């Protein structure tokens, strides 16, 4: 009789233990499911057009390619972290900051990079072959009227054009107008051979609004004004080529001249 009672107690304990284990397993499965969903959500690429708030310049800024100075220390950065084409085996960490005053827009890029090259030193030359940062923008919201592309390699050499239609009807901005843009860069004008080790470089410039008005009916930056834009990082002929964007571009092959995917700059 005692043995039967002990057997029943043992069976009951085993059943209770089994129920507890099943509950624990179920809770663990629920936890892992929620964790994986959270992880996937955090890693997912946002396909919504990016938005960045541009604050008005609070004090004069010296154009010297120094990321760690005022007013930049007080300005939020945007991330150029989405890639076009196949995922690159080298993906530099790229950030940019934007501010403005009545006369100009100010932009600084910081690139934590590797495999850096810079061989183009002629204005309007193919700087995108080099380690290069790019700002494509419509100084308003109507992209059908055209857009500008300002491309600057890590040595400070630039391409500056106005595109009436993507890659068609383009107008090269004359050198005399471009020279009104104050540019600073942290690396030498020529970088060869390629720097294979990790290196951080910066490009900073002051873009006067006045030089845009010959090509586009500019909506001057002011609180409430919006511009359409995208920021890019490229190094098409480095040993580790890549094509990175700020606002997601839904195209299977690398192509930056797609203004329909521009994000929005909101001036405050």
C-alpha atoms as a PDB file:
ATOM      1  CA  UNK A   1       0.000   0.000   0.000  1.00  0.00           C
ATOM      2  CA  UNK A   2       2.816   2.351   0.948  1.00  0.00           C
ATOM      3  CA  UNK A   3       4.647   1.488  -2.264  1.00  0.00           C
ATOM      4  CA  UNK A   4       1.536   2.284  -4.302  1.00  0.00           C
ATOM      5  CA  UNK A   5       1.240   5.678  -2.604  1.00  0.00           C
ATOM      6  CA  UNK A   6       4.917   6.401  -3.247  1.00  0.00           C
ATOM      7  CA  UNK A   7       4.524   5.357  -6.888  1.00  0.00           C
ATOM      8  CA  UNK A   8       1.515   7.659  -7.298  1.00  0.00           C
ATOM      9  CA  UNK A   9       3.421  10.517  -5.656  1.00  0.00           C
ATOM     10  CA  UNK A  10       6.406   9.885  -7.911  1.00  0.00           C
ATOM     11  CA  UNK A  11       4.174   9.749 -10.982  1.00  0.00           C
ATOM     12  CA  UNK A  12       2.430  12.950  -9.917  1.00  0.00           C
ATOM     13  CA  UNK A  13       5.767  14.671  -9.328  1.00  0.00           C
ATOM     14  CA  UNK A  14       7.041  13.507 -12.709  1.00  0.00           C
ATOM     15  CA  UNK A  15       3.894  14.774 -14.398  1.00  0.00           C
ATOM     16  CA  UNK A  16       4.199  18.137 -12.615  1.00  0.00           C
ATOM     17  CA  UNK A  17       7.835  18.339 -13.643  1.00  0.00           C
ATOM     18  CA  UNK A  18       6.879  17.536 -17.231  1.00  0.00           C
ATOM     19  CA  UNK A  19       4.218  20.257 -17.230  1.00  0.00           C
ATOM     20  CA  UNK A  20       6.704  22.742 -15.778  1.00  0.00           C
ATOM     21  CA  UNK A  21       9.297  21.853 -18.419  1.00  0.00           C
ATOM     22  CA  UNK A  22       6.731  22.166 -21.200  1.00  0.00           C
ATOM     23  CA  UNK A  23       5.697  25.566 -19.862  1.00  0.00           C
ATOM     24  CA  UNK A  24       9.312  26.650 -19.663  1.00  0.00           C
ATOM     25  CA  UNK A  25       9.955  25.438 -23.202  1.00  0.00           C
ATOM     26  CA  UNK A  26       6.871  27.268 -24.444  1.00  0.00           C
ATOM     27  CA  UNK A  27       7.933  30.469 -22.698  1.00  0.00           C
ATOM     28  CA  UNK A  28      11.459  30.060 -24.066  1.00  0.00           C
ATOM     29  CA  UNK A  29      10.084  29.622 -27.572  1.00  0.00           C
ATOM     30  CA  UNK A  30       7.923  32.729 -27.154  1.00  0.00           C
ATOM     31  CA  UNK A  31      10.902  34.672 -25.812  1.00  0.00           C
ATOM     32  CA  UNK A  32      13.181  33.592 -28.664  1.00  0.00           C
ATOM     33  CA  UNK A  33      10.474  34.381 -31.218  1.00  0.00           C
ATOM     34  CA  UNK A  34      10.033  37.882 -29.803  1.00  0.00           C
ATOM     35  CA  UNK A  35      13.808  38.363 -29.629  1.00  0.00           C
ATOM     36  CA  UNK A  36      14.298  37.298 -33.248  1.00  0.00           C
ATOM     37  CA  UNK A  37      11.494  39.588 -34.399  1.00  0.00           C
ATOM     38  CA  UNK A  38      13.097  42.486 -32.531  1.00  0.00           C
ATOM     39  CA  UNK A  39      16.502  41.652 -34.002  1.00  0.00           C
ATOM     40  CA  UNK A  40      15.115  41.432 -37.526  1.00  0.00           C
ATOM     41  CA  UNK A  41      13.280  44.712 -37.040  1.00  0.00           C
ATOM     42  CA  UNK A  42      16.414  46.488 -35.856  1.00  0.00           C
ATOM     43  CA  UNK A  43      18.454  45.105 -38.773  1.00  0.00           C
ATOM     44  CA  UNK A  44      15.854  45.717 -41.462  1.00  0.00           C
ATOM     45  CA  UNK A  45      16.605  48.429 -43.984  1.00  0.00           C
ATOM     46  CA  UNK A  46      14.013  51.179 -43.941  1.00  0.00           C
ATOM     47  CA  UNK A  47      12.663  51.680 -47.442  1.00  0.00           C
ATOM     48  CA  UNK A  48      10.843  54.861 -46.486  1.00  0.00           C
ATOM     49  CA  UNK A  49      12.355  58.093 -47.827  1.00  0.00           C
ATOM     50  CA  UNK A  50      14.764  59.445 -45.242  1.00  0.00           C
ATOM     51  CA  UNK A  51      14.087  62.725 -43.421  1.00  0.00           C
ATOM     52  CA  UNK A  52      16.657  65.017 -41.798  1.00  0.00           C
ATOM     53  CA  UNK A  53      16.072  68.191 -39.815  1.00  0.00           C
ATOM     54  CA  UNK A  54      18.469  71.005 -40.749  1.00  0.00           C
ATOM     55  CA  UNK A  55      19.051  73.462 -37.939  1.00  0.00           C
ATOM     56  CA  UNK A  56      19.982  77.083 -38.530  1.00  0.00           C
ATOM     57  CA  UNK A  57      23.604  77.975 -37.922  1.00  0.00           C
ATOM     58  CA  UNK A  58      24.009  79.433 -34.448  1.00  0.00           C
ATOM     59  CA  UNK A  59      27.521  80.800 -34.932  1.00  0.00           C
ATOM     60  CA  UNK A  60      30.048  81.250 -37.746  1.00  0.00           C
ATOM     61  CA  UNK A  61      31.836  78.091 -38.842  1.00  0.00           C
ATOM     62  CA  UNK A  62      35.398  77.876 -40.088  1.00  0.00           C
ATOM     63  CA  UNK A  63      35.694  75.531 -43.076  1.00  0.00           C
ATOM     64  CA  UNK A  64      38.687  73.393 -42.115  1.00  0.00           C
ATOM     65  CA  UNK A  65      37.436  69.760 -42.286  1.00  0.00           C
ATOM     66  CA  UNK A  66      37.387  69.423 -38.485  1.00  0.00           C
ATOM     67  CA  UNK A  67      34.478  67.182 -37.463  1.00  0.00           C
ATOM     68  CA  UNK A  68      35.061  67.784 -33.750  1.00  0.00           C
ATOM     69  CA  UNK A  69      34.269  71.479 -33.418  1.00  0.00           C
ATOM     70  CA  UNK A  70      31.354  73.811 -32.854  1.00  0.00           C
ATOM     71  CA  UNK A  71      28.799  74.153 -34.209  1.00  0.00           C
ATOM     72  CA  UNK A  72      29.093  70.594 -35.587  1.00  0.00           C
ATOM     73  CA  UNK A  73      29.362  69.077 -32.108  1.00  0.00           C
ATOM     74  CA  UNK A  74      25.794  70.261 -31.481  1.00  0.00           C
ATOM     75  CA  UNK A  75      24.385  69.063 -34.826  1.00  0.00           C
ATOM     76  CA  UNK A  76      22.832  65.623 -35.262  1.00  0.00           C
ATOM     77  CA  UNK A  77      24.452  63.392 -37.893  1.00  0.00           C
ATOM     78  CA  UNK A  78      22.735  61.404 -40.633  1.00  0.00           C
ATOM     79  CA  UNK A  79      24.003  57.945 -41.643  1.00  0.00           C
ATOM     80  CA  UNK A  80      24.892  56.986 -45.202  1.00  0.00           C
ATOM     81  CA  UNK A  81      24.484  53.280 -44.499  1.00  0.00           C
ATOM     82  CA  UNK A  82      22.292  51.673 -47.175  1.00  0.00           C
ATOM     83  CA  UNK A  83      23.981  49.906 -50.065  1.00  0.00           C
ATOM     84  CA  UNK A  84      23.102  49.471 -53.721  1.00  0.00           C
ATOM     85  CA  UNK A  85      23.767  46.287 -55.685  1.00  0.00           C
ATOM     86  CA  UNK A  86      25.370  43.397 -53.831  1.00  0.00           C
ATOM     87  CA  UNK A  87      26.339  43.943 -50.211  1.00  0.00           C
ATOM     88  CA  UNK A  88      29.960  45.144 -50.297  1.00  0.00           C
ATOM     89  CA  UNK A  89      32.686  43.282 -48.434  1.00  0.00           C
ATOM     90  CA  UNK A  90      33.934  46.684 -47.281  1.00  0.00           C
ATOM     91  CA  UNK A  91      31.269  49.038 -45.980  1.00  0.00           C
ATOM     92  CA  UNK A  92      32.731  52.258 -44.571  1.00  0.00           C
ATOM     93  CA  UNK A  93      30.998  54.081 -41.734  1.00  0.00           C
ATOM     94  CA  UNK A  94      29.766  57.330 -43.276  1.00  0.00           C
ATOM     95  CA  UNK A  95      28.045  60.254 -41.569  1.00  0.00           C
ATOM     96  CA  UNK A  96      27.143  63.764 -42.657  1.00  0.00           C
ATOM     97  CA  UNK A  97      25.866  66.897 -40.928  1.00  0.00           C
ATOM     98  CA  UNK A  98      24.056  69.870 -42.472  1.00  0.00           C
ATOM     99  CA  UNK A  99      23.333  73.391 -41.268  1.00  0.00           C
ATOM    100  CA  UNK A 100      22.525  76.724 -42.940  1.00  0.00           C
ATOM    101  CA  UNK A 101      22.277  80.493 -42.750  1.00  0.00           C
ATOM    102  CA  UNK A 102      20.745  83.130 -45.033  1.00  0.00           C
ATOM    103  CA  UNK A 103      23.541  82.870 -47.558  1.00  0.00           C
ATOM    104  CA  UNK A 104      24.686  79.254 -47.659  1.00  0.00           C
ATOM    105  CA  UNK A 105      24.264  75.601 -46.789  1.00  0.00           C
ATOM    106  CA  UNK A 106      27.111  73.981 -44.837  1.00  0.00           C
ATOM    107  CA  UNK A 107      27.906  70.265 -45.048  1.00  0.00           C
ATOM    108  CA  UNK A 108      30.535  68.064 -43.452  1.00  0.00           C
ATOM    109  CA  UNK A 109      31.160  64.354 -44.098  1.00  0.00           C
ATOM    110  CA  UNK A 110      33.134  61.959 -41.916  1.00  0.00           C
ATOM    111  CA  UNK A 111      34.177  58.610 -43.392  1.00  0.00           C
ATOM    112  CA  UNK A 112      35.714  55.792 -41.346  1.00  0.00           C
ATOM    113  CA  UNK A 113      37.184  54.028 -44.324  1.00  0.00           C
ATOM    114  CA  UNK A 114      39.723  51.589 -45.719  1.00  0.00           C
ATOM    115  CA  UNK A 115      41.150  50.916 -49.200  1.00  0.00           C
ATOM    116  CA  UNK A 116      41.161  54.665 -49.873  1.00  0.00           C
ATOM    117  CA  UNK A 117      42.356  56.066 -53.200  1.00  0.00           C
ATOM    118  CA  UNK A 118      42.316  59.512 -54.789  1.00  0.00           C
ATOM    119  CA  UNK A 119      43.740  59.929 -58.289  1.00  0.00           C
ATOM    120  CA  UNK A 120      41.404  62.433 -59.993  1.00  0.00           C
ATOM    121  CA  UNK A 121      42.501  66.051 -59.475  1.00  0.00           C
ATOM    122  CA  UNK A 122      40.767  67.827 -62.371  1.00  0.00           C
ATOM    123  CA  UNK A 123      37.491  69.711 -61.865  1.00  0.00           C
ATOM    124  CA  UNK A 124      34.561  67.836 -63.472  1.00  0.00           C
ATOM    125  CA  UNK A 125      36.729  64.715 -63.738  1.00  0.00           C
ATOM    126  CA  UNK A 126      35.371  61.229 -62.825  1.00  0.00           C
ATOM    127  CA  UNK A 127      35.811  61.641 -59.057  1.00  0.00           C
ATOM    128  CA  UNK A 128      33.366  58.813 -58.289  1.00  0.00           C
ATOM    129  CA  UNK A 129      36.129  56.383 -59.238  1.00  0.00           C
ATOM    130  CA  UNK A 130      37.915  57.573 -56.094  1.00  0.00           C
ATOM    131  CA  UNK A 131      36.883  57.486 -52.444  1.00  0.00           C
ATOM    132  CA  UNK A 132      34.163  60.087 -52.809  1.00  0.00           C
ATOM    133  CA  UNK A 133      31.156  61.625 -51.025  1.00  0.00           C
ATOM    134  CA  UNK A 134      28.220  63.082 -52.930  1.00  0.00           C
ATOM    135  CA  UNK A 135      25.304  65.440 -52.291  1.00  0.00           C
ATOM    136  CA  UNK A 136      22.430  65.318 -54.800  1.00  0.00           C
ATOM    137  CA  UNK A 137      19.682  67.855 -54.141  1.00  0.00           C
ATOM    138  CA  UNK A 138      16.743  69.838 -55.442  1.00  0.00           C
ATOM    139  CA  UNK A 139      16.583  73.255 -53.697  1.00  0.00           C
ATOM    140  CA  UNK A 140      12.829  72.899 -53.323  1.00  0.00           C
ATOM    141  CA  UNK A 141      10.396  69.985 -53.562  1.00  0.00           C
ATOM    142  CA  UNK A 142       9.735  69.730 -57.317  1.00  0.00           C
ATOM    143  CA  UNK A 143      12.274  67.205 -58.606  1.00  0.00           C
ATOM    144  CA  UNK A 144      10.729  67.433 -62.094  1.00  0.00           C
ATOM    145  CA  UNK A 145      12.482  70.795 -62.463  1.00  0.00           C
ATOM    146  CA  UNK A 146      15.878  69.182 -61.998  1.00  0.00           C
ATOM    147  CA  UNK A 147      18.537  68.661 -59.364  1.00  0.00           C
ATOM    148  CA  UNK A 148      22.198  69.375 -58.623  1.00  0.00           C
ATOM    149  CA  UNK A 149      24.905  66.814 -58.001  1.00  0.00           C
ATOM    150  CA  UNK A 150      27.974  67.880 -56.044  1.00  0.00           C
ATOM    151  CA  UNK A 151      30.563  65.106 -55.821  1.00  0.00           C
ATOM    152  CA  UNK A 152      33.809  65.583 -53.892  1.00  0.00           C
ATOM    153  CA  UNK A 153      36.579  63.017 -53.595  1.00  0.00           C
ATOM    154  CA  UNK A 154      38.658  62.669 -50.444  1.00  0.00           C
ATOM    155  CA  UNK A 155      41.277  64.997 -51.925  1.00  0.00           C
ATOM    156  CA  UNK A 156      38.814  67.847 -52.458  1.00  0.00           C
ATOM    157  CA  UNK A 157      38.396  67.598 -56.251  1.00  0.00           C
ATOM    158  CA  UNK A 158      34.790  67.967 -57.375  1.00  0.00           C
ATOM    159  CA  UNK A 159      32.123  67.417 -59.988  1.00  0.00           C
ATOM    160  CA  UNK A 160      29.311  69.984 -59.912  1.00  0.00           C
ATOM    161  CA  UNK A 161      26.425  69.764 -62.374  1.00  0.00           C
ATOM    162  CA  UNK A 162      22.771  70.627 -62.769  1.00  0.00           C
ATOM    163  CA  UNK A 163      20.605  67.844 -64.174  1.00  0.00           C
ATOM    164  CA  UNK A 164      17.379  68.860 -65.896  1.00  0.00           C
ATOM    165  CA  UNK A 165      16.529  65.172 -66.290  1.00  0.00           C
ATOM    166  CA  UNK A 166      18.475  62.319 -64.718  1.00  0.00           C
ATOM    167  CA  UNK A 167      21.774  62.061 -66.622  1.00  0.00           C
ATOM    168  CA  UNK A 168      20.247  63.922 -69.598  1.00  0.00           C
ATOM    169  CA  UNK A 169      20.254  67.639 -70.311  1.00  0.00           C
ATOM    170  CA  UNK A 170      23.025  68.112 -67.781  1.00  0.00           C
ATOM    171  CA  UNK A 171      24.780  71.434 -67.356  1.00  0.00           C
ATOM    172  CA  UNK A 172      28.300  71.612 -65.996  1.00  0.00           C
ATOM    173  CA  UNK A 173      28.609  74.419 -63.469  1.00  0.00           C
ATOM    174  CA  UNK A 174      31.469  76.693 -64.640  1.00  0.00           C
ATOM    175  CA  UNK A 175      34.689  76.647 -62.649  1.00  0.00           C
ATOM    176  CA  UNK A 176      34.301  80.337 -61.794  1.00  0.00           C
ATOM    177  CA  UNK A 177      30.990  79.603 -60.053  1.00  0.00           C
ATOM    178  CA  UNK A 178      32.310  76.467 -58.382  1.00  0.00           C
ATOM    179  CA  UNK A 179      35.263  78.387 -56.951  1.00  0.00           C
ATOM    180  CA  UNK A 180      32.795  80.295 -54.763  1.00  0.00           C
ATOM    181  CA  UNK A 181      32.284  77.044 -52.824  1.00  0.00           C
ATOM    182  CA  UNK A 182      34.734  76.890 -49.929  1.00  0.00           C
ATOM    183  CA  UNK A 183      35.990  73.299 -49.522  1.00  0.00           C
ATOM    184  CA  UNK A 184      38.322  71.704 -46.977  1.00  0.00           C
ATOM    185  CA  UNK A 185      39.547  68.099 -46.838  1.00  0.00           C
ATOM    186  CA  UNK A 186      41.690  66.140 -44.385  1.00  0.00           C
ATOM    187  CA  UNK A 187      43.615  63.953 -46.853  1.00  0.00           C
ATOM    188  CA  UNK A 188      46.131  65.039 -49.513  1.00  0.00           C
ATOM    189  CA  UNK A 189      44.868  65.952 -52.966  1.00  0.00           C
ATOM    190  CA  UNK A 190      46.357  62.735 -54.383  1.00  0.00           C
ATOM    191  CA  UNK A 191      46.289  59.422 -52.506  1.00  0.00           C
ATOM    192  CA  UNK A 192      48.226  56.687 -54.284  1.00  0.00           C
ATOM    193  CA  UNK A 193      48.952  53.896 -53.742  1.00  0.00           C
ATOM    194  CA  UNK A 194      45.681  52.981 -52.113  1.00  0.00           C
ATOM    195  CA  UNK A 195      45.593  53.207 -48.306  1.00  0.00           C
ATOM    196  CA  UNK A 196      44.707  49.662 -47.269  1.00  0.00           C
ATOM    197  CA  UNK A 197      44.724  50.303 -43.519  1.00  0.00           C
ATOM    198  CA  UNK A 198      41.764  51.848 -41.678  1.00  0.00           C
ATOM    199  CA  UNK A 199      41.710  55.630 -42.014  1.00  0.00           C
ATOM    200  CA  UNK A 200      39.197  58.347 -41.138  1.00  0.00           C
ATOM    201  CA  UNK A 201      38.819  61.278 -43.508  1.00  0.00           C
ATOM    202  CA  UNK A 202      36.577  64.332 -43.716  1.00  0.00           C
ATOM    203  CA  UNK A 203      35.280  66.745 -46.334  1.00  0.00           C
ATOM    204  CA  UNK A 204      33.587  70.028 -45.418  1.00  0.00           C
ATOM    205  CA  UNK A 205      32.177  72.805 -47.581  1.00  0.00           C
ATOM    206  CA  UNK A 206      30.158  75.996 -47.669  1.00  0.00           C
ATOM    207  CA  UNK A 207      27.707  76.067 -50.604  1.00  0.00           C
ATOM    208  CA  UNK A 208      26.445  79.603 -51.403  1.00  0.00           C
ATOM    209  CA  UNK A 209      22.764  79.730 -52.367  1.00  0.00           C
ATOM    210  CA  UNK A 210      23.414  82.447 -54.935  1.00  0.00           C
ATOM    211  CA  UNK A 211      25.261  80.190 -57.389  1.00  0.00           C
ATOM    212  CA  UNK A 212      22.234  77.863 -57.635  1.00  0.00           C
ATOM    213  CA  UNK A 213      19.774  80.532 -58.754  1.00  0.00           C
ATOM    214  CA  UNK A 214      20.972  80.636 -62.364  1.00  0.00           C
ATOM    215  CA  UNK A 215      19.804  77.046 -62.848  1.00  0.00           C
ATOM    216  CA  UNK A 216      16.830  76.562 -60.539  1.00  0.00           C
ATOM    217  CA  UNK A 217      14.097  78.639 -58.931  1.00  0.00           C
ATOM    218  CA  UNK A 218      15.587  78.154 -55.492  1.00  0.00           C
ATOM    219  CA  UNK A 219      13.439  78.073 -52.380  1.00  0.00           C
ATOM    220  CA  UNK A 220      15.896  79.647 -49.904  1.00  0.00           C
ATOM    221  CA  UNK A 221      16.423  77.748 -46.649  1.00  0.00           C
ATOM    222  CA  UNK A 222      14.193  79.051 -43.868  1.00  0.00           C
ATOM    223  CA  UNK A 223      12.034  77.560 -41.119  1.00  0.00           C
ATOM    224  CA  UNK A 224       9.382  75.338 -42.727  1.00  0.00           C
ATOM    225  CA  UNK A 225      11.168  75.037 -46.095  1.00  0.00           C
ATOM    226  CA  UNK A 226      11.882  71.579 -47.508  1.00  0.00           C
ATOM    227  CA  UNK A 227      14.427  70.408 -50.060  1.00  0.00           C
ATOM    228  CA  UNK A 228      14.690  66.977 -51.677  1.00  0.00           C
ATOM    229  CA  UNK A 229      18.092  65.315 -51.425  1.00  0.00           C
ATOM    230  CA  UNK A 230      20.241  62.240 -51.057  1.00  0.00           C
ATOM    231  CA  UNK A 231      23.765  61.648 -49.784  1.00  0.00           C
ATOM    232  CA  UNK A 232      26.090  59.034 -51.212  1.00  0.00           C
ATOM    233  CA  UNK A 233      29.471  57.381 -50.682  1.00  0.00           C
ATOM    234  CA  UNK A 234      31.214  55.693 -53.580  1.00  0.00           C
ATOM    235  CA  UNK A 235      34.601  54.297 -54.596  1.00  0.00           C
ATOM    236  CA  UNK A 236      33.839  52.569 -57.884  1.00  0.00           C
ATOM    237  CA  UNK A 237      37.434  51.813 -58.866  1.00  0.00           C
ATOM    238  CA  UNK A 238      38.978  51.101 -55.491  1.00  0.00           C
ATOM    239  CA  UNK A 239      40.024  47.540 -54.689  1.00  0.00           C
ATOM    240  CA  UNK A 240      36.800  47.217 -52.657  1.00  0.00           C
ATOM    241  CA  UNK A 241      34.101  49.152 -54.574  1.00  0.00           C
ATOM    242  CA  UNK A 242      30.840  50.161 -52.900  1.00  0.00           C
ATOM    243  CA  UNK A 243      27.790  52.351 -53.476  1.00  0.00           C
ATOM    244  CA  UNK A 244      26.149  53.650 -50.281  1.00  0.00           C
ATOM    245  CA  UNK A 245      23.104  55.892 -49.839  1.00  0.00           C
ATOM    246  CA  UNK A 246      21.354  57.846 -47.090  1.00  0.00           C
ATOM    247  CA  UNK A 247      17.807  57.526 -48.412  1.00  0.00           C
ATOM    248  CA  UNK A 248      17.002  54.038 -49.729  1.00  0.00           C
ATOM    249  CA  UNK A 249      17.166  53.649 -53.520  1.00  0.00           C
ATOM    250  CA  UNK A 250      15.071  50.784 -54.879  1.00  0.00           C
ATOM    251  CA  UNK A 251      17.150  49.760 -57.872  1.00  0.00           C
ATOM    252  CA  UNK A 252      18.893  46.405 -58.462  1.00  0.00           C
ATOM    253  CA  UNK A 253      22.043  47.979 -59.897  1.00  0.00           C
ATOM    254  CA  UNK A 254      24.034  50.883 -58.447  1.00  0.00           C
ATOM    255  CA  UNK A 255      22.657  54.145 -59.805  1.00  0.00           C
ATOM    256  CA  UNK A 256      22.569  57.440 -57.949  1.00  0.00           C
ATOM    257  CA  UNK A 257      20.746  59.492 -60.579  1.00  0.00           C
ATOM    258  CA  UNK A 258      17.268  58.497 -59.374  1.00  0.00           C
ATOM    259  CA  UNK A 259      15.770  61.642 -57.802  1.00  0.00           C
ATOM    260  CA  UNK A 260      12.442  59.898 -57.226  1.00  0.00           C
ATOM    261  CA  UNK A 261      14.136  58.245 -54.227  1.00  0.00           C
ATOM    262  CA  UNK A 262      15.443  61.462 -52.693  1.00  0.00           C
ATOM    263  CA  UNK A 263      14.779  61.992 -49.017  1.00  0.00           C
ATOM    264  CA  UNK A 264      13.721  65.287 -47.430  1.00  0.00           C
ATOM    265  CA  UNK A 265      15.709  68.029 -45.741  1.00  0.00           C
ATOM    266  CA  UNK A 266      13.462  69.968 -43.353  1.00  0.00           C
ATOM    267  CA  UNK A 267      14.840  73.375 -42.429  1.00  0.00           C
ATOM    268  CA  UNK A 268      14.125  74.783 -38.982  1.00  0.00           C
END
